[in-house]
């Protein structure tokens, strides 16, 4: 009886290993891409690497592709221990800085998508690569016209074939 159970467990583990062998390389690649995204976002504004909130998170959805998320503040809050409540001028400068940084973030996201497509060799050419970045805001700020989330995605083959100037045309962008 023990031999039968051992044989069944061995067979089940071999079947499981065969079914997930292709995904293992994808999962290893996902971790590598997460680190690349963290590096890109951390160095986007080198004097303020603390704006990245936690590390990027990625996952592979079978039949769809790779999805990555990150959370980042566009600018440091204009408050500190000595100035716990921001003045109107501080709030206006903060808003201006956030508005200026949105196009910089969008450009960096396009570059990340192109790099990610080339890094994920185990993805099928028809799979998609998605990067979603959450941009939190404070209750006291005027966030009208400043996105709270940017999602960019593209098909792997289109991302690989595009030049840097063509990336915007092959990437679908949603701004919320």
C-alpha atoms as a PDB file:
ATOM      1  CA  UNK A   1       0.000   0.000   0.000  1.00  0.00           C
ATOM      2  CA  UNK A   2       2.845   2.409   0.860  1.00  0.00           C
ATOM      3  CA  UNK A   3       4.454   1.700  -2.523  1.00  0.00           C
ATOM      4  CA  UNK A   4       1.207   2.547  -4.299  1.00  0.00           C
ATOM      5  CA  UNK A   5       0.886   5.833  -2.410  1.00  0.00           C
ATOM      6  CA  UNK A   6       4.536   6.695  -3.094  1.00  0.00           C
ATOM      7  CA  UNK A   7       4.090   5.859  -6.782  1.00  0.00           C
ATOM      8  CA  UNK A   8       0.962   8.026  -7.011  1.00  0.00           C
ATOM      9  CA  UNK A   9       2.675  10.942  -5.238  1.00  0.00           C
ATOM     10  CA  UNK A  10       5.692  10.627  -7.510  1.00  0.00           C
ATOM     11  CA  UNK A  11       3.476  10.549 -10.600  1.00  0.00           C
ATOM     12  CA  UNK A  12       1.495  13.567  -9.385  1.00  0.00           C
ATOM     13  CA  UNK A  13       4.652  15.549  -8.667  1.00  0.00           C
ATOM     14  CA  UNK A  14       6.100  14.709 -12.104  1.00  0.00           C
ATOM     15  CA  UNK A  15       2.882  15.791 -13.814  1.00  0.00           C
ATOM     16  CA  UNK A  16       2.853  19.006 -11.771  1.00  0.00           C
ATOM     17  CA  UNK A  17       6.515  19.683 -12.573  1.00  0.00           C
ATOM     18  CA  UNK A  18       5.935  19.112 -16.278  1.00  0.00           C
ATOM     19  CA  UNK A  19       2.948  21.447 -16.255  1.00  0.00           C
ATOM     20  CA  UNK A  20       4.760  24.253 -14.480  1.00  0.00           C
ATOM     21  CA  UNK A  21       8.211  23.929 -16.082  1.00  0.00           C
ATOM     22  CA  UNK A  22       7.496  26.681 -18.612  1.00  0.00           C
ATOM     23  CA  UNK A  23       6.080  28.971 -15.939  1.00  0.00           C
ATOM     24  CA  UNK A  24       9.152  28.651 -13.702  1.00  0.00           C
ATOM     25  CA  UNK A  25      11.278  30.594 -16.166  1.00  0.00           C
ATOM     26  CA  UNK A  26       8.507  33.172 -16.411  1.00  0.00           C
ATOM     27  CA  UNK A  27       8.353  33.537 -12.626  1.00  0.00           C
ATOM     28  CA  UNK A  28      12.126  33.976 -12.403  1.00  0.00           C
ATOM     29  CA  UNK A  29      11.893  36.606 -15.145  1.00  0.00           C
ATOM     30  CA  UNK A  30       9.042  38.355 -13.315  1.00  0.00           C
ATOM     31  CA  UNK A  31      11.216  38.804 -10.220  1.00  0.00           C
ATOM     32  CA  UNK A  32      14.010  40.227 -12.366  1.00  0.00           C
ATOM     33  CA  UNK A  33      11.622  42.659 -14.049  1.00  0.00           C
ATOM     34  CA  UNK A  34      10.273  43.771 -10.658  1.00  0.00           C
ATOM     35  CA  UNK A  35      13.816  44.755  -9.686  1.00  0.00           C
ATOM     36  CA  UNK A  36      14.284  46.605 -12.988  1.00  0.00           C
ATOM     37  CA  UNK A  37      11.063  48.550 -12.463  1.00  0.00           C
ATOM     38  CA  UNK A  38      12.127  49.458  -8.926  1.00  0.00           C
ATOM     39  CA  UNK A  39      15.489  50.661 -10.226  1.00  0.00           C
ATOM     40  CA  UNK A  40      13.932  52.756 -12.992  1.00  0.00           C
ATOM     41  CA  UNK A  41      11.376  54.398 -10.704  1.00  0.00           C
ATOM     42  CA  UNK A  42      13.876  54.958  -7.894  1.00  0.00           C
ATOM     43  CA  UNK A  43      16.264  56.704 -10.285  1.00  0.00           C
ATOM     44  CA  UNK A  44      13.573  58.698 -12.050  1.00  0.00           C
ATOM     45  CA  UNK A  45      14.127  61.528  -9.579  1.00  0.00           C
ATOM     46  CA  UNK A  46      17.525  60.612  -8.065  1.00  0.00           C
ATOM     47  CA  UNK A  47      17.375  63.137  -5.218  1.00  0.00           C
ATOM     48  CA  UNK A  48      14.065  61.635  -4.037  1.00  0.00           C
ATOM     49  CA  UNK A  49      14.260  57.811  -4.251  1.00  0.00           C
ATOM     50  CA  UNK A  50      11.927  57.562  -1.253  1.00  0.00           C
ATOM     51  CA  UNK A  51       8.975  58.508  -3.465  1.00  0.00           C
ATOM     52  CA  UNK A  52       8.641  54.870  -4.557  1.00  0.00           C
ATOM     53  CA  UNK A  53       6.285  53.203  -2.097  1.00  0.00           C
ATOM     54  CA  UNK A  54       7.361  49.589  -1.690  1.00  0.00           C
ATOM     55  CA  UNK A  55       8.573  47.388  -4.485  1.00  0.00           C
ATOM     56  CA  UNK A  56       6.971  46.656  -7.822  1.00  0.00           C
ATOM     57  CA  UNK A  57       4.750  43.599  -7.910  1.00  0.00           C
ATOM     58  CA  UNK A  58       4.338  41.335 -10.888  1.00  0.00           C
ATOM     59  CA  UNK A  59       2.459  38.250 -11.905  1.00  0.00           C
ATOM     60  CA  UNK A  60       1.935  36.109 -14.942  1.00  0.00           C
ATOM     61  CA  UNK A  61      -1.615  35.417 -16.134  1.00  0.00           C
ATOM     62  CA  UNK A  62      -1.684  32.333 -18.325  1.00  0.00           C
ATOM     63  CA  UNK A  63      -3.113  33.206 -21.722  1.00  0.00           C
ATOM     64  CA  UNK A  64      -2.889  36.958 -21.092  1.00  0.00           C
ATOM     65  CA  UNK A  65       0.639  37.984 -20.152  1.00  0.00           C
ATOM     66  CA  UNK A  66       2.624  39.729 -17.443  1.00  0.00           C
ATOM     67  CA  UNK A  67       1.119  42.408 -15.207  1.00  0.00           C
ATOM     68  CA  UNK A  68       3.201  44.711 -13.000  1.00  0.00           C
ATOM     69  CA  UNK A  69       2.067  47.294 -10.473  1.00  0.00           C
ATOM     70  CA  UNK A  70       3.883  49.995  -8.562  1.00  0.00           C
ATOM     71  CA  UNK A  71       2.986  52.879  -6.288  1.00  0.00           C
ATOM     72  CA  UNK A  72       4.813  56.179  -6.310  1.00  0.00           C
ATOM     73  CA  UNK A  73       4.398  59.714  -5.023  1.00  0.00           C
ATOM     74  CA  UNK A  74       5.024  62.246  -7.765  1.00  0.00           C
ATOM     75  CA  UNK A  75       6.591  64.704  -5.321  1.00  0.00           C
ATOM     76  CA  UNK A  76       7.462  64.838  -1.636  1.00  0.00           C
ATOM     77  CA  UNK A  77       4.750  66.235   0.597  1.00  0.00           C
ATOM     78  CA  UNK A  78       5.297  69.877   1.548  1.00  0.00           C
ATOM     79  CA  UNK A  79       4.880  69.142   5.244  1.00  0.00           C
ATOM     80  CA  UNK A  80       7.297  68.298   8.013  1.00  0.00           C
ATOM     81  CA  UNK A  81       7.500  68.305  11.788  1.00  0.00           C
ATOM     82  CA  UNK A  82       8.010  72.068  11.867  1.00  0.00           C
ATOM     83  CA  UNK A  83       5.302  72.798   9.251  1.00  0.00           C
ATOM     84  CA  UNK A  84       2.533  70.208   9.849  1.00  0.00           C
ATOM     85  CA  UNK A  85      -0.053  72.077   7.762  1.00  0.00           C
ATOM     86  CA  UNK A  86       0.944  73.214   4.276  1.00  0.00           C
ATOM     87  CA  UNK A  87       0.309  76.805   3.264  1.00  0.00           C
ATOM     88  CA  UNK A  88      -1.537  77.732   0.063  1.00  0.00           C
ATOM     89  CA  UNK A  89       1.770  78.551  -1.595  1.00  0.00           C
ATOM     90  CA  UNK A  90       3.223  75.185  -0.593  1.00  0.00           C
ATOM     91  CA  UNK A  91       0.167  73.396  -1.951  1.00  0.00           C
ATOM     92  CA  UNK A  92       0.386  75.331  -5.244  1.00  0.00           C
ATOM     93  CA  UNK A  93       4.101  74.467  -5.661  1.00  0.00           C
ATOM     94  CA  UNK A  94       3.374  70.838  -4.808  1.00  0.00           C
ATOM     95  CA  UNK A  95       0.617  70.662  -7.436  1.00  0.00           C
ATOM     96  CA  UNK A  96       2.865  72.303 -10.052  1.00  0.00           C
ATOM     97  CA  UNK A  97       5.648  69.824  -9.348  1.00  0.00           C
ATOM     98  CA  UNK A  98       3.286  66.861  -9.680  1.00  0.00           C
ATOM     99  CA  UNK A  99       1.937  68.193 -12.992  1.00  0.00           C
ATOM    100  CA  UNK A 100       5.481  68.580 -14.345  1.00  0.00           C
ATOM    101  CA  UNK A 101       6.397  65.024 -13.391  1.00  0.00           C
ATOM    102  CA  UNK A 102       3.474  63.190 -15.000  1.00  0.00           C
ATOM    103  CA  UNK A 103       5.002  63.305 -18.535  1.00  0.00           C
ATOM    104  CA  UNK A 104       8.371  62.172 -17.114  1.00  0.00           C
ATOM    105  CA  UNK A 105       6.709  59.199 -15.440  1.00  0.00           C
ATOM    106  CA  UNK A 106       4.787  58.313 -18.608  1.00  0.00           C
ATOM    107  CA  UNK A 107       8.004  58.312 -20.651  1.00  0.00           C
ATOM    108  CA  UNK A 108       9.714  56.106 -18.072  1.00  0.00           C
ATOM    109  CA  UNK A 109       6.751  53.719 -18.119  1.00  0.00           C
ATOM    110  CA  UNK A 110       6.977  53.368 -21.919  1.00  0.00           C
ATOM    111  CA  UNK A 111      10.682  52.567 -21.630  1.00  0.00           C
ATOM    112  CA  UNK A 112       9.981  50.009 -18.904  1.00  0.00           C
ATOM    113  CA  UNK A 113       7.382  48.275 -21.083  1.00  0.00           C
ATOM    114  CA  UNK A 114       9.837  47.984 -23.976  1.00  0.00           C
ATOM    115  CA  UNK A 115      12.590  46.649 -21.686  1.00  0.00           C
ATOM    116  CA  UNK A 116      10.175  44.255 -20.040  1.00  0.00           C
ATOM    117  CA  UNK A 117       9.024  42.814 -23.358  1.00  0.00           C
ATOM    118  CA  UNK A 118      12.614  41.963 -24.254  1.00  0.00           C
ATOM    119  CA  UNK A 119      13.340  40.568 -20.765  1.00  0.00           C
ATOM    120  CA  UNK A 120      10.415  38.148 -20.748  1.00  0.00           C
ATOM    121  CA  UNK A 121      11.610  35.709 -23.395  1.00  0.00           C
ATOM    122  CA  UNK A 122       9.256  32.962 -22.182  1.00  0.00           C
ATOM    123  CA  UNK A 123       6.173  35.051 -22.920  1.00  0.00           C
ATOM    124  CA  UNK A 124       4.394  34.291 -26.166  1.00  0.00           C
ATOM    125  CA  UNK A 125       4.546  37.029 -28.799  1.00  0.00           C
ATOM    126  CA  UNK A 126       0.780  37.447 -28.455  1.00  0.00           C
ATOM    127  CA  UNK A 127       0.954  37.919 -24.672  1.00  0.00           C
ATOM    128  CA  UNK A 128       0.547  41.390 -23.224  1.00  0.00           C
ATOM    129  CA  UNK A 129       2.848  43.333 -20.927  1.00  0.00           C
ATOM    130  CA  UNK A 130       1.060  45.669 -18.506  1.00  0.00           C
ATOM    131  CA  UNK A 131       2.404  48.297 -16.117  1.00  0.00           C
ATOM    132  CA  UNK A 132       0.002  50.038 -13.732  1.00  0.00           C
ATOM    133  CA  UNK A 133       1.264  52.820 -11.462  1.00  0.00           C
ATOM    134  CA  UNK A 134      -0.835  54.153  -8.591  1.00  0.00           C
ATOM    135  CA  UNK A 135      -0.285  57.812  -7.693  1.00  0.00           C
ATOM    136  CA  UNK A 136      -1.733  58.495  -4.235  1.00  0.00           C
ATOM    137  CA  UNK A 137      -2.828  61.946  -3.192  1.00  0.00           C
ATOM    138  CA  UNK A 138      -3.535  63.667   0.093  1.00  0.00           C
ATOM    139  CA  UNK A 139      -6.985  64.764   1.237  1.00  0.00           C
ATOM    140  CA  UNK A 140      -5.865  68.421   1.432  1.00  0.00           C
ATOM    141  CA  UNK A 141      -4.555  68.669  -2.123  1.00  0.00           C
ATOM    142  CA  UNK A 142      -6.339  69.741  -5.292  1.00  0.00           C
ATOM    143  CA  UNK A 143      -5.820  66.659  -7.442  1.00  0.00           C
ATOM    144  CA  UNK A 144      -8.078  67.708 -10.328  1.00  0.00           C
ATOM    145  CA  UNK A 145      -6.290  67.015 -13.602  1.00  0.00           C
ATOM    146  CA  UNK A 146      -3.562  64.953 -11.933  1.00  0.00           C
ATOM    147  CA  UNK A 147      -3.928  61.214 -12.468  1.00  0.00           C
ATOM    148  CA  UNK A 148      -4.388  58.806  -9.598  1.00  0.00           C
ATOM    149  CA  UNK A 149      -3.445  55.840 -11.781  1.00  0.00           C
ATOM    150  CA  UNK A 150      -1.730  55.302 -15.126  1.00  0.00           C
ATOM    151  CA  UNK A 151      -1.999  51.952 -16.891  1.00  0.00           C
ATOM    152  CA  UNK A 152       0.062  51.157 -19.976  1.00  0.00           C
ATOM    153  CA  UNK A 153       0.001  47.927 -21.918  1.00  0.00           C
ATOM    154  CA  UNK A 154       1.077  46.471 -25.208  1.00  0.00           C
ATOM    155  CA  UNK A 155       1.435  43.197 -27.030  1.00  0.00           C
ATOM    156  CA  UNK A 156       4.904  41.718 -26.620  1.00  0.00           C
ATOM    157  CA  UNK A 157       5.589  41.411 -30.356  1.00  0.00           C
ATOM    158  CA  UNK A 158       4.534  45.026 -31.024  1.00  0.00           C
ATOM    159  CA  UNK A 159       6.671  46.310 -28.154  1.00  0.00           C
ATOM    160  CA  UNK A 160       9.699  44.394 -29.450  1.00  0.00           C
ATOM    161  CA  UNK A 161       9.236  45.631 -33.026  1.00  0.00           C
ATOM    162  CA  UNK A 162       8.724  49.299 -32.120  1.00  0.00           C
ATOM    163  CA  UNK A 163      11.489  51.859 -32.121  1.00  0.00           C
ATOM    164  CA  UNK A 164      11.645  54.345 -29.258  1.00  0.00           C
ATOM    165  CA  UNK A 165       9.730  56.878 -31.373  1.00  0.00           C
ATOM    166  CA  UNK A 166       7.025  54.305 -32.198  1.00  0.00           C
ATOM    167  CA  UNK A 167       6.407  53.105 -28.637  1.00  0.00           C
ATOM    168  CA  UNK A 168       3.610  55.555 -27.876  1.00  0.00           C
ATOM    169  CA  UNK A 169       1.699  54.269 -30.916  1.00  0.00           C
ATOM    170  CA  UNK A 170       1.819  50.588 -29.874  1.00  0.00           C
ATOM    171  CA  UNK A 171       1.093  51.156 -26.176  1.00  0.00           C
ATOM    172  CA  UNK A 172      -2.458  51.565 -24.940  1.00  0.00           C
ATOM    173  CA  UNK A 173      -2.574  54.104 -22.134  1.00  0.00           C
ATOM    174  CA  UNK A 174      -5.379  54.618 -19.653  1.00  0.00           C
ATOM    175  CA  UNK A 175      -5.238  57.516 -17.217  1.00  0.00           C
ATOM    176  CA  UNK A 176      -7.576  57.737 -14.254  1.00  0.00           C
END
